[in-house]
Amino acid sequence: MNQLERLHSSQFGRRRFVKYGSLLVGASVLAACTNDDAATDPTAPTTDTASGELQPVIFGTNWYAQAEHGGFYQAIATGLYTDAGLDVTIKMGGPQVNGTQLLMGGAVDFFMGYGSDALQAVQEGIPKVTVASIFQKDPQILIAHPDQGVESLEDLQGKPIYISSAANVTYWPLLAAKYGFTEDMKRPYNFNPGPFLADKTSAQQGYLSSEPLSIAQEGGFEPVVLLLADYGYDPYAATIETRQEIVDSDPDLVQRFVDASIQGWYSYLNEDPTPGNELIKQDNPEMTDEQIAYGIAKMQEYGIVVSGDAEAMGIGAMTAARWQSFYDTLVQAEVIEADIDYTQAFTLDFVNRGADYYQS
């Protein structure tokens, strides 16, 4: 290694250390402010304190409580976590919540993650790992006005599209590479449908189980819905991720949390979801019964949770082949570096037990 290479390596190592270290410091402060029961060492794994006692677990979600989180709330409401020896608390997310900071700082033990973020974490040297994927299809959609000749993603070429800043490091580079979408098509999306409603030629990002209903209510029309998962965008979504050290030191905890969560999802989708829905509305009073029912219906209609590998292998299913396929897609789109060990992003040790196992 020559002088220039040593300098570059040192700078990269320092940047990664500073970034990771800042995550720990920032989230540790947050944990101290929001969780009086947090351990002194913010990165220490949760451990059982005494035989027969429930093991406390904090699970962070990626947004305000909604149907897309229903299985986790159902597992609390129906006692599935308790049966697994766990005392689970859900910390509701929101637009300003940084899941990696919360997770790596010890404010939560598990977090609802996302496939591309897990791969990005590997690239940045952040030791978190995905242990299950509740969604087989990402509910990310693009929405267009009816009667504008839009029937597929190809038809959006040249049209203004309202997207969030996060789209720039998730699905937009893939759309640009595959469909020729250009930078001048992008418009800033601030979770307000007003600009989209005002421009019939435009499109807008959304979530399958949310924005189509709100647009129908506010705009008085049924929008054209394009599910990106149907166009080759296939990250695992609504994943369960945790710190690598918890996987290493307490795999039994991970297994119990994953199993009970999956059982909660089967209960939520196949049985009476009312117990989980009541907890959702308790955490998010603005959530309505209509919105929840719509969300459940869309998840079932589009196979968001149960489709593909999950049909036989069970909810939460993941495969190494699909992780590699998505990683290769991100590399081709120049979102992720080509020389990282993408297998560090996940483990299959806690899933794929078969659909019958979780419903027996």
Protein backbone atom coordinates (compact mmCIF):
# COMPACT_ATOMS: atom_id res chain seq x y z
CA MET A 1 0.00 0.00 0.00
CA ASN A 2 1.52 3.36 -1.03
CA GLN A 3 1.32 6.66 0.84
CA LEU A 4 -1.81 7.81 -0.99
CA GLU A 5 -3.57 4.50 -0.40
CA ARG A 6 -2.73 4.59 3.31
CA LEU A 7 -4.09 8.13 3.56
CA HIS A 8 -7.30 7.19 1.78
CA SER A 9 -7.74 4.11 3.97
CA SER A 10 -7.15 6.12 7.12
CA GLN A 11 -9.61 8.81 6.10
CA PHE A 12 -12.26 6.25 5.22
CA GLY A 13 -11.78 4.45 8.53
CA ARG A 14 -12.00 7.72 10.43
CA ARG A 15 -15.16 8.80 8.59
CA ARG A 16 -16.79 5.47 9.31
CA PHE A 17 -15.74 5.57 12.98
CA VAL A 18 -16.94 9.15 13.44
CA LYS A 19 -20.25 8.42 11.74
CA TYR A 20 -20.86 5.25 13.72
CA GLY A 21 -19.66 6.88 16.93
CA SER A 22 -21.99 9.83 16.43
CA LEU A 23 -24.91 7.42 16.02
CA LEU A 24 -24.11 5.89 19.39
CA VAL A 25 -23.72 9.21 21.17
CA GLY A 26 -26.82 10.80 19.63
CA ALA A 27 -29.05 7.85 20.24
CA SER A 28 -27.72 7.30 23.74
CA VAL A 29 -28.83 10.80 24.67
CA LEU A 30 -32.23 10.13 23.11
CA ALA A 31 -32.51 6.83 24.95
CA ALA A 32 -31.74 8.53 28.25
CA CYS A 33 -34.42 11.12 27.60
CA THR A 34 -37.12 8.75 26.39
CA ASN A 35 -36.51 5.53 28.29
CA ASP A 36 -35.72 5.67 31.99
CA ASP A 37 -35.18 1.91 32.01
CA ALA A 38 -32.40 1.96 29.41
CA ALA A 39 -29.26 0.13 30.42
CA THR A 40 -26.13 2.02 31.44
CA ASP A 41 -24.33 0.53 28.46
CA PRO A 42 -26.55 1.54 25.52
CA THR A 43 -25.23 -1.22 23.28
CA ALA A 44 -25.63 -4.05 25.79
CA PRO A 45 -28.14 -6.71 24.72
CA THR A 46 -31.38 -7.14 26.61
CA THR A 47 -31.09 -10.07 28.99
CA ASP A 48 -33.49 -11.99 31.19
CA THR A 49 -33.25 -10.85 34.79
CA ALA A 50 -34.74 -13.85 36.56
CA SER A 51 -36.31 -17.17 35.75
CA GLY A 52 -39.99 -16.80 35.03
CA GLU A 53 -39.88 -13.04 34.58
CA LEU A 54 -40.87 -11.44 31.30
CA GLN A 55 -37.91 -10.21 29.31
CA PRO A 56 -38.34 -6.51 28.39
CA VAL A 57 -38.05 -5.67 24.69
CA ILE A 58 -38.47 -2.34 22.91
CA PHE A 59 -39.46 -2.44 19.25
CA GLY A 60 -39.32 0.72 17.15
CA THR A 61 -41.59 1.22 14.15
CA ASN A 62 -40.84 3.27 11.06
CA TRP A 63 -43.94 5.49 11.07
CA TYR A 64 -47.07 6.46 12.98
CA ALA A 65 -49.12 3.45 14.10
CA GLN A 66 -51.16 2.01 11.22
CA ALA A 67 -52.39 -1.24 9.71
CA GLU A 68 -48.94 -1.89 8.26
CA HIS A 69 -47.76 -2.39 11.86
CA GLY A 70 -50.81 -4.39 12.85
CA GLY A 71 -49.23 -7.78 13.47
CA PHE A 72 -46.88 -6.39 16.09
CA TYR A 73 -49.71 -4.67 17.94
CA GLN A 74 -51.78 -7.85 17.62
CA ALA A 75 -49.00 -9.87 19.24
CA ILE A 76 -49.11 -7.52 22.24
CA ALA A 77 -52.90 -7.38 22.47
CA THR A 78 -53.46 -11.13 22.22
CA GLY A 79 -50.66 -12.10 24.59
CA LEU A 80 -48.42 -13.78 22.02
CA TYR A 81 -45.36 -11.90 23.20
CA THR A 82 -46.23 -12.68 26.81
CA ASP A 83 -46.54 -16.36 25.93
CA ALA A 84 -43.03 -16.11 24.51
CA GLY A 85 -41.75 -14.67 27.78
CA LEU A 86 -41.47 -11.12 26.45
CA ASP A 87 -42.71 -7.77 27.72
CA VAL A 88 -42.77 -5.81 24.45
CA THR A 89 -43.13 -2.05 24.20
CA ILE A 90 -43.64 -0.45 20.79
CA LYS A 91 -42.03 2.95 20.20
CA MET A 92 -43.95 4.60 17.38
CA GLY A 93 -41.94 6.17 14.58
CA GLY A 94 -42.47 9.31 12.54
CA PRO A 95 -40.85 11.55 9.92
CA GLN A 96 -37.99 12.63 12.18
CA VAL A 97 -37.16 9.19 13.59
CA ASN A 98 -33.79 7.71 12.65
CA GLY A 99 -34.10 3.99 13.23
CA THR A 100 -30.39 3.25 12.96
CA GLN A 101 -29.60 5.81 15.63
CA LEU A 102 -32.23 4.38 17.95
CA LEU A 103 -31.09 0.82 17.36
CA MET A 104 -27.35 1.33 17.60
CA GLY A 105 -27.69 3.65 20.58
CA GLY A 106 -29.73 1.12 22.56
CA ALA A 107 -33.00 3.07 22.63
CA VAL A 108 -34.67 0.08 20.97
CA ASP A 109 -33.74 -3.59 20.77
CA PHE A 110 -35.39 -4.22 17.40
CA PHE A 111 -36.46 -1.85 14.65
CA MET A 112 -38.70 -2.03 11.59
CA GLY A 113 -36.16 -1.66 8.82
CA TYR A 114 -35.75 -1.70 5.05
CA GLY A 115 -33.63 -3.73 2.65
CA SER A 116 -31.65 -0.95 1.02
CA ASP A 117 -30.89 0.66 4.38
CA ALA A 118 -29.55 -2.66 5.66
CA LEU A 119 -27.14 -2.87 2.72
CA GLN A 120 -26.14 0.76 3.20
CA ALA A 121 -25.33 -0.03 6.83
CA VAL A 122 -22.93 -2.75 5.72
CA GLN A 123 -21.21 -0.27 3.43
CA GLU A 124 -20.86 2.17 6.34
CA GLY A 125 -19.62 -0.42 8.80
CA ILE A 126 -22.69 -0.29 11.06
CA PRO A 127 -23.21 -3.70 12.72
CA LYS A 128 -26.94 -4.22 12.46
CA VAL A 129 -28.57 -7.25 10.88
CA THR A 130 -31.98 -8.09 9.39
CA VAL A 131 -33.53 -11.19 10.96
CA ALA A 132 -36.94 -11.30 9.24
CA SER A 133 -38.93 -9.52 6.54
CA ILE A 134 -42.63 -9.10 7.26
CA PHE A 135 -43.36 -7.59 3.83
CA GLN A 136 -42.55 -9.65 0.75
CA LYS A 137 -43.50 -6.67 -1.40
CA ASP A 138 -42.59 -3.07 -0.66
CA PRO A 139 -45.89 -1.08 -0.61
CA GLN A 140 -44.17 1.89 -2.27
CA ILE A 141 -46.26 3.22 -5.17
CA LEU A 142 -46.44 6.01 -7.67
CA ILE A 143 -49.87 7.57 -8.16
CA ALA A 144 -51.19 9.30 -11.26
CA HIS A 145 -54.39 11.01 -12.34
CA PRO A 146 -56.92 8.98 -14.32
CA ASP A 147 -57.60 9.80 -17.98
CA GLN A 148 -54.02 10.99 -18.51
CA GLY A 149 -52.86 7.98 -20.48
CA VAL A 150 -50.91 6.50 -17.58
CA GLU A 151 -51.14 2.73 -17.31
CA SER A 152 -47.56 1.83 -16.47
CA LEU A 153 -44.31 3.37 -15.25
CA GLU A 154 -43.19 3.88 -18.84
CA ASP A 155 -46.11 6.27 -19.31
CA LEU A 156 -44.70 8.62 -16.63
CA GLN A 157 -41.67 9.49 -18.76
CA GLY A 158 -41.26 13.27 -18.88
CA LYS A 159 -43.99 13.99 -16.33
CA PRO A 160 -43.37 15.80 -13.02
CA ILE A 161 -43.19 13.34 -10.12
CA TYR A 162 -43.38 14.38 -6.47
CA ILE A 163 -40.91 12.32 -4.43
CA SER A 164 -39.37 12.57 -0.98
CA SER A 165 -35.67 13.05 -0.37
CA ALA A 166 -35.40 9.41 0.73
CA ALA A 167 -36.39 8.31 -2.77
CA ASN A 168 -33.05 9.55 -4.06
CA VAL A 169 -31.25 6.69 -2.30
CA THR A 170 -33.95 4.02 -2.66
CA TYR A 171 -36.15 3.60 -5.71
CA TRP A 172 -35.44 6.68 -7.86
CA PRO A 173 -31.97 5.62 -9.09
CA LEU A 174 -33.47 2.30 -10.18
CA LEU A 175 -36.31 4.00 -12.04
CA ALA A 176 -33.83 6.33 -13.67
CA ALA A 177 -31.68 3.42 -14.81
CA LYS A 178 -34.54 1.22 -16.00
CA TYR A 179 -37.06 3.73 -17.35
CA GLY A 180 -34.93 6.74 -18.17
CA PHE A 181 -36.45 9.03 -15.54
CA THR A 182 -34.46 12.26 -15.37
CA GLU A 183 -33.58 14.74 -12.66
CA ASP A 184 -35.78 17.46 -14.14
CA MET A 185 -38.84 15.27 -13.56
CA LYS A 186 -38.40 15.34 -9.78
CA ARG A 187 -40.48 17.60 -7.55
CA PRO A 188 -40.17 17.79 -3.74
CA TYR A 189 -42.84 15.81 -1.91
CA ASN A 190 -43.63 16.96 1.63
CA PHE A 191 -46.41 14.48 2.38
CA ASN A 192 -49.01 16.96 1.17
CA PRO A 193 -51.11 15.85 -1.84
CA GLY A 194 -52.06 19.43 -2.72
CA PRO A 195 -49.50 19.98 -5.52
CA PHE A 196 -50.35 16.62 -7.09
CA LEU A 197 -54.08 17.30 -6.96
CA ALA A 198 -53.53 20.68 -8.60
CA ASP A 199 -51.57 19.28 -11.58
CA LYS A 200 -53.32 16.55 -13.55
CA THR A 201 -50.16 15.77 -15.51
CA SER A 202 -48.15 14.97 -12.39
CA ALA A 203 -47.52 11.84 -10.37
CA GLN A 204 -46.76 11.39 -6.70
CA GLN A 205 -45.16 8.79 -4.50
CA GLY A 206 -47.23 7.07 -1.86
CA TYR A 207 -47.89 4.00 0.23
CA LEU A 208 -50.32 1.44 -1.16
CA SER A 209 -52.46 1.33 1.94
CA SER A 210 -52.59 5.06 2.65
CA GLU A 211 -52.33 7.70 -0.07
CA PRO A 212 -54.81 6.24 -2.60
CA LEU A 213 -57.58 6.45 0.00
CA SER A 214 -56.71 9.98 1.11
CA ILE A 215 -56.50 11.16 -2.50
CA ALA A 216 -59.86 9.61 -3.28
CA GLN A 217 -61.32 11.39 -0.26
CA GLU A 218 -59.72 14.78 -0.95
CA GLY A 219 -59.68 14.75 -4.74
CA GLY A 220 -62.91 12.93 -5.40
CA PHE A 221 -61.38 10.44 -7.86
CA GLU A 222 -59.73 7.02 -7.85
CA PRO A 223 -56.06 7.50 -8.77
CA VAL A 224 -54.00 5.22 -10.98
CA VAL A 225 -51.84 3.12 -8.64
CA LEU A 226 -48.51 1.69 -9.80
CA LEU A 227 -46.93 -0.69 -7.28
CA LEU A 228 -43.16 -0.48 -7.76
CA ALA A 229 -42.77 -4.09 -6.64
CA ASP A 230 -44.61 -5.09 -9.82
CA TYR A 231 -41.92 -3.34 -11.87
CA GLY A 232 -38.86 -5.05 -10.49
CA TYR A 233 -38.26 -2.97 -7.37
CA ASP A 234 -38.04 -5.77 -4.82
CA PRO A 235 -36.40 -4.79 -1.53
CA TYR A 236 -37.48 -6.53 1.63
CA ALA A 237 -39.60 -4.12 3.65
CA ALA A 238 -41.05 -3.84 7.15
CA THR A 239 -38.11 -5.94 8.23
CA ILE A 240 -37.11 -6.82 11.76
CA GLU A 241 -33.55 -5.73 12.39
CA THR A 242 -31.38 -5.74 15.48
CA ARG A 243 -27.79 -5.24 16.55
CA GLN A 244 -25.33 -7.96 15.58
CA GLU A 245 -24.26 -8.33 19.19
CA ILE A 246 -27.80 -9.29 20.25
CA VAL A 247 -27.87 -11.98 17.56
CA ASP A 248 -24.52 -13.24 18.84
CA SER A 249 -25.18 -13.07 22.58
CA ASP A 250 -28.92 -13.83 22.86
CA PRO A 251 -30.21 -15.71 19.82
CA ASP A 252 -33.02 -17.18 21.92
CA LEU A 253 -34.40 -13.68 22.48
CA VAL A 254 -34.26 -12.97 18.76
CA GLN A 255 -36.01 -16.25 17.93
CA ARG A 256 -38.80 -15.69 20.44
CA PHE A 257 -39.41 -12.14 19.26
CA VAL A 258 -39.42 -13.15 15.58
CA ASP A 259 -41.69 -16.15 16.12
CA ALA A 260 -44.23 -14.24 18.23
CA SER A 261 -44.23 -11.33 15.76
CA ILE A 262 -44.92 -13.68 12.84
CA GLN A 263 -47.70 -15.36 14.81
CA GLY A 264 -49.11 -11.91 15.48
CA TRP A 265 -49.21 -11.20 11.76
CA TYR A 266 -51.04 -14.44 10.99
CA SER A 267 -53.55 -13.57 13.70
CA TYR A 268 -53.96 -10.02 12.44
CA LEU A 269 -54.56 -10.99 8.82
CA ASN A 270 -56.53 -14.22 9.29
CA GLU A 271 -58.45 -13.69 12.51
CA ASP A 272 -60.13 -10.75 14.25
CA PRO A 273 -57.76 -7.75 14.01
CA THR A 274 -59.74 -5.69 16.53
CA PRO A 275 -57.34 -6.19 19.48
CA GLY A 276 -54.40 -4.90 17.46
CA ASN A 277 -56.45 -2.10 15.92
CA GLU A 278 -57.43 -0.78 19.33
CA LEU A 279 -53.78 -0.46 20.30
CA ILE A 280 -52.99 1.20 16.96
CA LYS A 281 -55.64 3.85 17.60
CA GLN A 282 -54.41 4.26 21.15
CA ASP A 283 -50.91 5.10 19.91
CA ASN A 284 -52.20 7.11 16.93
CA PRO A 285 -55.55 8.74 17.75
CA GLU A 286 -55.78 10.21 14.24
CA MET A 287 -55.99 6.74 12.70
CA THR A 288 -59.54 5.80 11.69
CA ASP A 289 -61.29 2.47 11.39
CA GLU A 290 -61.81 3.17 7.68
CA GLN A 291 -58.10 3.74 7.10
CA ILE A 292 -57.15 0.59 9.01
CA ALA A 293 -59.69 -1.55 7.14
CA TYR A 294 -58.44 -0.13 3.84
CA GLY A 295 -54.84 -0.90 4.77
CA ILE A 296 -55.60 -4.50 5.71
CA ALA A 297 -57.58 -5.02 2.51
CA LYS A 298 -54.77 -3.69 0.32
CA MET A 299 -52.10 -5.75 2.06
CA GLN A 300 -54.18 -8.85 1.39
CA GLU A 301 -55.20 -7.89 -2.16
CA TYR A 302 -51.62 -7.24 -3.31
CA GLY A 303 -49.92 -9.99 -1.29
CA ILE A 304 -47.76 -7.55 0.60
CA VAL A 305 -47.23 -9.92 3.53
CA VAL A 306 -48.14 -13.36 2.20
CA SER A 307 -46.88 -13.99 -1.32
CA GLY A 308 -43.87 -15.56 -3.02
CA ASP A 309 -41.56 -17.34 -0.59
CA ALA A 310 -43.80 -16.54 2.39
CA GLU A 311 -46.62 -18.73 1.09
CA ALA A 312 -44.71 -21.92 1.89
CA MET A 313 -41.90 -20.72 4.15
CA GLY A 314 -44.06 -18.53 6.35
CA ILE A 315 -44.45 -14.82 6.99
CA GLY A 316 -41.06 -13.20 7.52
CA ALA A 317 -39.40 -15.35 4.86
CA MET A 318 -36.12 -14.31 3.28
CA THR A 319 -33.68 -15.95 0.86
CA ALA A 320 -30.03 -15.32 0.10
CA ALA A 321 -30.82 -15.33 -3.63
CA ARG A 322 -33.25 -12.44 -3.32
CA TRP A 323 -30.86 -10.43 -1.17
CA GLN A 324 -28.16 -10.94 -3.79
CA SER A 325 -30.53 -9.97 -6.60
CA PHE A 326 -31.48 -6.71 -4.89
CA TYR A 327 -27.86 -5.99 -4.03
CA ASP A 328 -26.86 -6.52 -7.67
CA THR A 329 -29.63 -4.13 -8.73
CA LEU A 330 -28.36 -1.43 -6.37
CA VAL A 331 -24.80 -1.91 -7.59
CA GLN A 332 -25.90 -1.54 -11.21
CA ALA A 333 -27.74 1.65 -10.29
CA GLU A 334 -24.58 2.88 -8.50
CA VAL A 335 -26.39 3.19 -5.17
CA ILE A 336 -24.18 0.67 -3.37
CA GLU A 337 -20.49 -0.11 -3.80
CA ALA A 338 -19.65 -3.31 -5.66
CA ASP A 339 -17.12 -4.67 -3.17
CA ILE A 340 -19.07 -4.96 0.09
CA ASP A 341 -20.05 -8.24 1.73
CA TYR A 342 -23.80 -7.91 1.36
CA THR A 343 -24.36 -11.15 3.32
CA GLN A 344 -23.57 -9.22 6.50
CA ALA A 345 -26.90 -7.42 6.10
CA PHE A 346 -29.02 -10.43 7.03
CA THR A 347 -29.24 -13.86 8.60
CA LEU A 348 -31.68 -16.64 7.73
CA ASP A 349 -31.26 -18.38 11.10
CA PHE A 350 -34.56 -17.16 12.55
CA VAL A 351 -37.07 -17.53 9.68
CA ASN A 352 -38.29 -19.92 6.97
CA ARG A 353 -39.75 -22.49 9.37
CA GLY A 354 -42.82 -23.06 7.22
CA ALA A 355 -46.28 -21.51 7.27
CA ASP A 356 -47.75 -24.40 9.26
CA TYR A 357 -45.18 -23.98 12.03
CA TYR A 358 -46.37 -20.47 12.88
CA GLN A 359 -50.06 -21.37 12.76
CA SER A 360 -50.00 -24.61 14.72
